[in-house]
Protein backbone atom coordinates (compact mmCIF):
# COMPACT_ATOMS: atom_id res chain seq x y z
CA MET A 1 5.37 18.78 -4.68
CA GLU A 2 5.30 20.59 -1.39
CA GLY A 3 2.99 19.90 1.51
CA PRO A 4 3.08 19.99 5.29
CA ASP A 5 4.87 16.65 5.75
CA SER A 6 8.53 15.70 6.03
CA PRO A 7 10.85 15.18 3.03
CA GLY A 8 10.15 11.90 1.25
CA SER A 9 6.43 11.92 2.10
CA LEU A 10 4.22 10.67 -0.72
CA TYR A 11 1.13 12.49 -1.97
CA GLN A 12 -1.78 11.49 -4.18
CA LEU A 13 -3.97 14.38 -5.25
CA ASP A 14 -7.11 14.95 -7.25
CA PRO A 15 -6.32 17.79 -9.72
CA GLU A 16 -9.95 18.91 -9.86
CA GLU A 17 -10.04 19.37 -6.08
CA MET A 18 -6.68 21.15 -6.10
CA LEU A 19 -7.77 23.58 -8.80
CA CYS A 20 -11.02 24.34 -6.94
CA ARG A 21 -9.09 25.27 -3.79
CA VAL A 22 -6.60 27.56 -5.54
CA SER A 23 -7.38 31.19 -6.18
CA GLY A 24 -5.52 33.25 -8.75
CA GLY A 25 -4.75 30.51 -11.28
CA ALA A 26 -3.25 27.06 -11.31
CA PRO A 27 -0.26 26.36 -9.06
CA ALA A 28 3.11 25.72 -10.68
CA GLY A 29 3.08 22.42 -12.53
CA LEU A 30 -0.69 22.26 -12.88
CA GLU A 31 -1.03 24.76 -15.71
CA MET A 32 -1.52 21.96 -18.26
CA ALA A 33 -4.12 20.21 -16.09
CA ALA A 34 -6.04 23.48 -15.79
CA LEU A 35 -6.37 23.56 -19.59
CA LEU A 36 -7.98 20.13 -19.75
CA PRO A 37 -11.78 19.75 -19.63
CA PRO A 38 -13.19 18.85 -16.20
CA TRP A 39 -14.27 15.38 -17.37
CA VAL A 40 -10.62 14.59 -18.20
CA ARG A 41 -9.31 16.01 -14.91
CA SER A 42 -11.85 13.90 -13.01
CA ARG A 43 -10.07 10.79 -14.34
CA MET A 44 -6.57 11.97 -13.36
CA CYS A 45 -4.46 11.57 -10.24
CA ILE A 46 -1.33 13.50 -9.41
CA PHE A 47 1.41 11.77 -7.46
CA GLY A 48 4.29 13.55 -5.79
CA VAL A 49 7.07 13.33 -3.26
CA GLN A 50 7.81 16.02 -0.67
CA PRO A 51 11.27 17.46 -1.42
CA ARG A 52 13.85 18.55 1.12
CA THR A 53 14.50 21.66 -0.99
CA ARG A 54 13.30 23.13 -4.28
CA HIS A 55 16.50 24.99 -5.11
CA ALA A 56 17.42 24.70 -8.78
CA GLY A 57 20.51 22.66 -9.50
CA THR A 58 20.31 20.45 -6.42
CA SER A 59 20.15 16.67 -6.70
CA LEU A 60 17.44 14.52 -5.19
CA SER A 61 17.74 14.20 -1.42
CA PRO A 62 18.20 10.81 0.26
CA GLU A 63 14.61 11.06 1.52
CA VAL A 64 13.23 11.49 -2.00
CA LEU A 65 15.46 8.76 -3.41
CA GLY A 66 14.29 6.43 -0.63
CA ALA A 67 10.63 7.14 -1.43
CA LEU A 68 10.93 6.43 -5.16
CA PRO A 69 10.85 2.59 -4.95
CA ILE A 70 7.71 2.81 -2.80
CA LEU A 71 6.09 5.23 -5.25
CA VAL A 72 7.02 3.10 -8.28
CA THR A 73 5.55 -0.03 -6.65
CA TYR A 74 2.35 1.84 -5.79
CA LEU A 75 2.04 3.33 -9.29
CA ARG A 76 2.57 -0.08 -10.85
CA GLY A 77 -0.40 -1.39 -8.84
CA VAL A 78 -2.56 1.58 -9.80
CA ILE A 79 -1.74 1.08 -13.49
CA LEU A 80 -2.39 -2.67 -13.38
CA ARG A 81 -5.75 -2.15 -11.65
CA ALA A 82 -6.75 0.48 -14.23
CA ALA A 83 -5.72 -1.84 -17.07
CA GLY A 84 -7.77 -4.66 -15.55
CA GLN A 85 -10.82 -2.39 -15.27
CA ALA A 86 -10.39 -1.26 -18.87
CA ARG A 87 -10.26 -4.88 -20.05
CA GLN A 88 -13.50 -5.62 -18.19
CA LEU A 89 -15.23 -2.77 -20.02
CA ASN A 90 -14.28 -4.14 -23.45
């Protein structure tokens, strides 16, 4: 995922908002999300890490590798909160 920040920066995006801002079709990687109904997209989040480079065949940069433990910890919390909310609804 590319944005204006330095390599290793973490992003959390709303796919519905992203698709509304894009003209000329879904950006690379969001084609599948564009096919989903809006009510499904409204319940999704997209997480990403700013790469150093997007050249094919390159390995993950030290910045990206360093961000992964932070992202995994954050995602674990998001998933546990969502599971707790789902249990409350049942």
